[in-house]
Amino acid sequence: MPNINWPDAIKPLLKKYKGKKHPLDYKNVYQLLVMVVLSAQDSDKHINAIAPKFFAAFPNMAALSQATSEAIQELVSDVRNFGNKSKWLSELSKKVKKDANIPLTLDALTELPGIGRKSANVIKREAGVEAEGIIVDLHVLRVAPRLGIATGADPKKIEKQMMDILPSKQWDAGMAISFLGREICRPTPKCEICLMRNVCAYYNANN
């Protein structure tokens, strides 16, 4: 593969998914934050299914901050790693106290229990604030090295490589690549319908 000009090459993908909402079905930033914590190593579809009951019980951060981790645990007991996630949500809500206090900077978000860089980047994107990083989820981990925009299997290193290659105004590329991974660049990729195949290292090495 010749050297790809990624800021140019990524434009069609950014255009295709511009403004597309994350698959988590949240109604506000409080719900988004809770669902992002719960969705780690679990599926968005599963979290969407349990969310209505959870938010009926704890409609906002103030209500959640009054709950015991046991009460939280009861509502998320079929979520992967529910013990830790209940504890994190309990600690996090006591720290934040109310919806208006939810931080939207990368540093402040990643200081909260249960929120790493990926989760913080998702929350920032969906809240409509300026990106400070690039979302690298399981789909991006698979697709970015396939495309050739990054190498390796370490989320932080892949994020750093993409941040170095792309200008900050294109940092929504993470979510765009994630959507591509969910819809087209599956574990068995549908290369024939992929709009990135002309610049894709995997496609060009195999065709």
Protein backbone atom coordinates (compact mmCIF):
# COMPACT_ATOMS: atom_id res chain seq x y z
CA MET A 1 0.00 0.00 0.00
CA PRO A 2 1.37 3.44 -0.87
CA ASN A 3 1.31 6.14 1.81
CA ILE A 4 -2.30 7.12 2.41
CA ASN A 5 -3.28 10.72 3.13
CA TRP A 6 -5.63 9.79 5.97
CA PRO A 7 -7.16 13.26 6.58
CA ASP A 8 -8.38 13.06 2.95
CA ALA A 9 -9.09 9.33 2.87
CA ILE A 10 -11.27 9.41 6.01
CA LYS A 11 -13.60 12.16 4.72
CA PRO A 12 -16.20 9.87 3.04
CA LEU A 13 -16.49 7.83 6.25
CA LEU A 14 -16.87 10.93 8.43
CA LYS A 15 -19.52 12.24 6.02
CA LYS A 16 -21.45 8.94 6.04
CA TYR A 17 -21.75 8.81 9.83
CA LYS A 18 -21.74 12.53 10.70
CA GLY A 19 -24.03 13.22 13.65
CA LYS A 20 -25.20 9.58 13.91
CA LYS A 21 -26.21 8.90 17.50
CA HIS A 22 -24.45 6.22 19.52
CA PRO A 23 -26.45 2.93 19.72
CA LEU A 24 -27.03 3.37 23.47
CA ASP A 25 -30.61 4.61 23.81
CA TYR A 26 -30.15 7.41 26.37
CA LYS A 27 -32.35 10.47 26.93
CA ASN A 28 -29.86 12.81 28.67
CA VAL A 29 -26.25 13.02 29.84
CA TYR A 30 -27.02 11.33 33.18
CA GLN A 31 -28.53 8.30 31.42
CA LEU A 32 -25.67 8.28 28.94
CA LEU A 33 -23.04 8.22 31.69
CA VAL A 34 -24.76 5.37 33.56
CA MET A 35 -25.27 3.34 30.37
CA VAL A 36 -21.67 3.84 29.25
CA VAL A 37 -20.43 2.47 32.59
CA LEU A 38 -22.81 -0.50 32.35
CA SER A 39 -22.00 -1.29 28.71
CA ALA A 40 -18.29 -2.05 29.19
CA GLN A 41 -17.75 -5.69 28.07
CA ASP A 42 -21.50 -6.01 27.55
CA SER A 43 -23.66 -5.23 24.53
CA ASP A 44 -25.39 -1.91 23.88
CA LYS A 45 -28.53 -3.87 23.02
CA HIS A 46 -28.57 -5.56 26.44
CA ILE A 47 -28.03 -2.26 28.29
CA ASN A 48 -30.84 -0.62 26.27
CA ALA A 49 -33.15 -3.44 27.38
CA ILE A 50 -32.48 -3.04 31.11
CA ALA A 51 -32.28 0.78 31.12
CA PRO A 52 -35.99 1.68 31.42
CA LYS A 53 -36.41 -0.23 34.68
CA PHE A 54 -33.15 1.18 36.05
CA PHE A 55 -34.09 4.80 35.26
CA ALA A 56 -37.61 4.33 36.61
CA ALA A 57 -35.95 3.49 39.94
CA PHE A 58 -33.17 6.11 39.70
CA PRO A 59 -34.37 8.92 37.41
CA ASN A 60 -31.40 11.21 38.05
CA MET A 61 -28.00 11.46 39.71
CA ALA A 62 -29.50 12.74 42.97
CA ALA A 63 -31.74 9.65 43.24
CA LEU A 64 -28.84 7.35 42.35
CA SER A 65 -26.59 8.97 44.97
CA GLN A 66 -29.12 8.01 47.68
CA ALA A 67 -29.15 4.33 46.62
CA THR A 68 -27.05 1.59 48.19
CA SER A 69 -24.83 -0.47 45.90
CA GLU A 70 -27.07 -3.44 46.79
CA ALA A 71 -30.15 -1.63 45.48
CA ILE A 72 -28.26 -0.75 42.29
CA GLN A 73 -26.96 -4.30 41.99
CA GLU A 74 -30.48 -5.76 42.03
CA LEU A 75 -31.32 -3.89 38.83
CA VAL A 76 -28.14 -4.77 36.96
CA SER A 77 -27.53 -8.32 38.17
CA ASP A 78 -27.50 -9.80 34.66
CA VAL A 79 -24.95 -7.24 33.35
CA ARG A 80 -21.37 -8.45 32.97
CA ASN A 81 -19.17 -7.48 35.94
CA PHE A 82 -22.28 -6.14 37.75
CA GLY A 83 -20.60 -6.18 41.19
CA ASN A 84 -17.91 -3.68 40.24
CA LYS A 85 -20.25 -1.63 38.06
CA SER A 86 -22.78 -1.26 40.92
CA LYS A 87 -19.97 -0.11 43.21
CA TRP A 88 -18.66 2.35 40.60
CA LEU A 89 -22.11 3.83 39.98
CA SER A 90 -22.68 4.21 43.71
CA GLU A 91 -19.30 5.93 44.25
CA LEU A 92 -19.61 8.04 41.13
CA SER A 93 -23.11 9.30 42.00
CA LYS A 94 -22.04 10.25 45.53
CA LYS A 95 -19.14 12.20 44.06
CA VAL A 96 -21.18 14.00 41.36
CA LYS A 97 -24.38 14.38 43.46
CA LYS A 98 -26.63 15.89 40.76
CA ASP A 99 -27.04 15.95 36.98
CA ALA A 100 -25.83 19.55 36.67
CA ASN A 101 -22.44 18.56 38.15
CA ILE A 102 -21.62 15.91 35.53
CA PRO A 103 -18.17 16.89 34.23
CA LEU A 104 -17.51 17.01 30.49
CA THR A 105 -13.73 17.24 30.31
CA LEU A 106 -11.63 14.15 29.65
CA ASP A 107 -9.58 14.55 32.86
CA ALA A 108 -12.59 15.02 35.14
CA LEU A 109 -14.55 12.17 33.52
CA THR A 110 -11.66 9.69 33.74
CA GLU A 111 -11.29 10.50 37.46
CA LEU A 112 -14.76 9.02 38.03
CA PRO A 113 -14.95 5.32 38.97
CA GLY A 114 -15.65 3.02 36.01
CA ILE A 115 -14.81 5.58 33.31
CA GLY A 116 -11.73 5.17 31.14
CA ARG A 117 -10.66 7.15 28.09
CA LYS A 118 -12.99 5.34 25.69
CA SER A 119 -16.04 5.93 27.89
CA ALA A 120 -15.08 9.57 28.45
CA ASN A 121 -14.64 10.11 24.70
CA VAL A 122 -18.09 8.58 24.05
CA ILE A 123 -19.73 10.78 26.70
CA LYS A 124 -18.05 13.92 25.32
CA ARG A 125 -19.10 13.10 21.75
CA GLU A 126 -22.72 12.41 22.64
CA ALA A 127 -22.92 15.49 24.89
CA GLY A 128 -21.82 17.56 21.90
CA VAL A 129 -18.65 18.99 23.42
CA GLU A 130 -15.34 19.31 21.62
CA ALA A 131 -13.34 16.09 21.34
CA GLU A 132 -10.17 15.71 23.39
CA GLY A 133 -9.47 12.24 22.08
CA ILE A 134 -10.67 9.50 19.70
CA ILE A 135 -13.09 6.72 20.63
CA VAL A 136 -11.37 3.32 20.43
CA ASP A 137 -13.87 0.56 21.21
CA LEU A 138 -13.79 -3.14 20.26
CA HIS A 139 -14.89 -2.32 16.71
CA VAL A 140 -12.17 0.31 16.23
CA LEU A 141 -9.59 -2.14 17.66
CA ARG A 142 -10.53 -4.54 14.86
CA VAL A 143 -11.09 -2.08 12.01
CA ALA A 144 -8.34 0.56 12.41
CA PRO A 145 -5.46 -1.96 11.95
CA ARG A 146 -7.38 -3.57 9.05
CA LEU A 147 -7.69 -0.20 7.33
CA GLY A 148 -4.04 0.54 8.06
CA ILE A 149 -4.68 3.85 9.84
CA ALA A 150 -3.15 2.35 13.01
CA THR A 151 -1.28 -0.78 14.10
CA GLY A 152 -1.25 -3.04 17.14
CA ALA A 153 -3.92 -4.06 19.65
CA ASP A 154 -3.49 -1.53 22.46
CA PRO A 155 -6.42 0.95 22.57
CA LYS A 156 -4.30 3.81 23.95
CA LYS A 157 -1.61 3.33 21.29
CA ILE A 158 -4.20 3.09 18.49
CA GLU A 159 -5.86 6.28 19.79
CA LYS A 160 -2.49 8.08 19.92
CA GLN A 161 -1.59 6.99 16.36
CA MET A 162 -4.92 8.25 15.02
CA MET A 163 -4.66 11.53 16.96
CA ASP A 164 -1.20 12.06 15.44
CA ILE A 165 -2.43 11.36 11.88
CA LEU A 166 -5.76 13.23 11.92
CA PRO A 167 -6.44 16.90 12.73
CA SER A 168 -8.57 17.41 15.85
CA LYS A 169 -11.60 18.43 13.78
CA GLN A 170 -11.63 14.86 12.40
CA TRP A 171 -11.44 13.09 15.75
CA ASP A 172 -14.99 11.79 15.32
CA ALA A 173 -13.27 9.25 13.06
CA GLY A 174 -13.28 6.85 16.03
CA MET A 175 -17.06 6.67 16.17
CA ALA A 176 -17.28 6.57 12.37
CA ILE A 177 -14.88 3.61 12.28
CA SER A 178 -16.91 1.97 15.07
CA PHE A 179 -20.11 2.29 13.01
CA LEU A 180 -18.26 0.85 10.00
CA GLY A 181 -17.19 -2.06 12.22
CA ARG A 182 -20.72 -2.64 13.47
CA GLU A 183 -22.33 -2.54 10.01
CA ILE A 184 -19.80 -3.59 7.38
CA CYS A 185 -16.31 -4.41 8.68
CA ARG A 186 -17.59 -7.26 10.84
CA PRO A 187 -15.27 -10.07 12.02
CA THR A 188 -16.04 -11.45 8.54
CA PRO A 189 -15.96 -8.19 6.57
CA LYS A 190 -18.35 -7.28 3.75
CA CYS A 191 -15.56 -5.66 1.69
CA GLU A 192 -17.61 -5.56 -1.53
CA ILE A 193 -19.95 -2.91 -0.06
CA CYS A 194 -17.34 -0.95 1.94
CA LEU A 195 -16.73 2.66 0.97
CA MET A 196 -13.18 2.48 2.40
CA ARG A 197 -11.94 -0.46 0.33
CA ASN A 198 -9.87 1.62 -2.10
CA VAL A 199 -7.60 2.76 0.79
CA CYS A 200 -7.93 -0.35 2.99
CA ALA A 201 -4.73 -2.32 3.63
CA TYR A 202 -6.65 -5.54 4.37
CA TYR A 203 -8.75 -5.33 1.19
CA ASN A 204 -5.80 -4.44 -1.01
CA ALA A 205 -3.65 -7.22 0.44
CA ASN A 206 -6.38 -9.79 -0.17
CA ASN A 207 -7.66 -8.73 -3.58
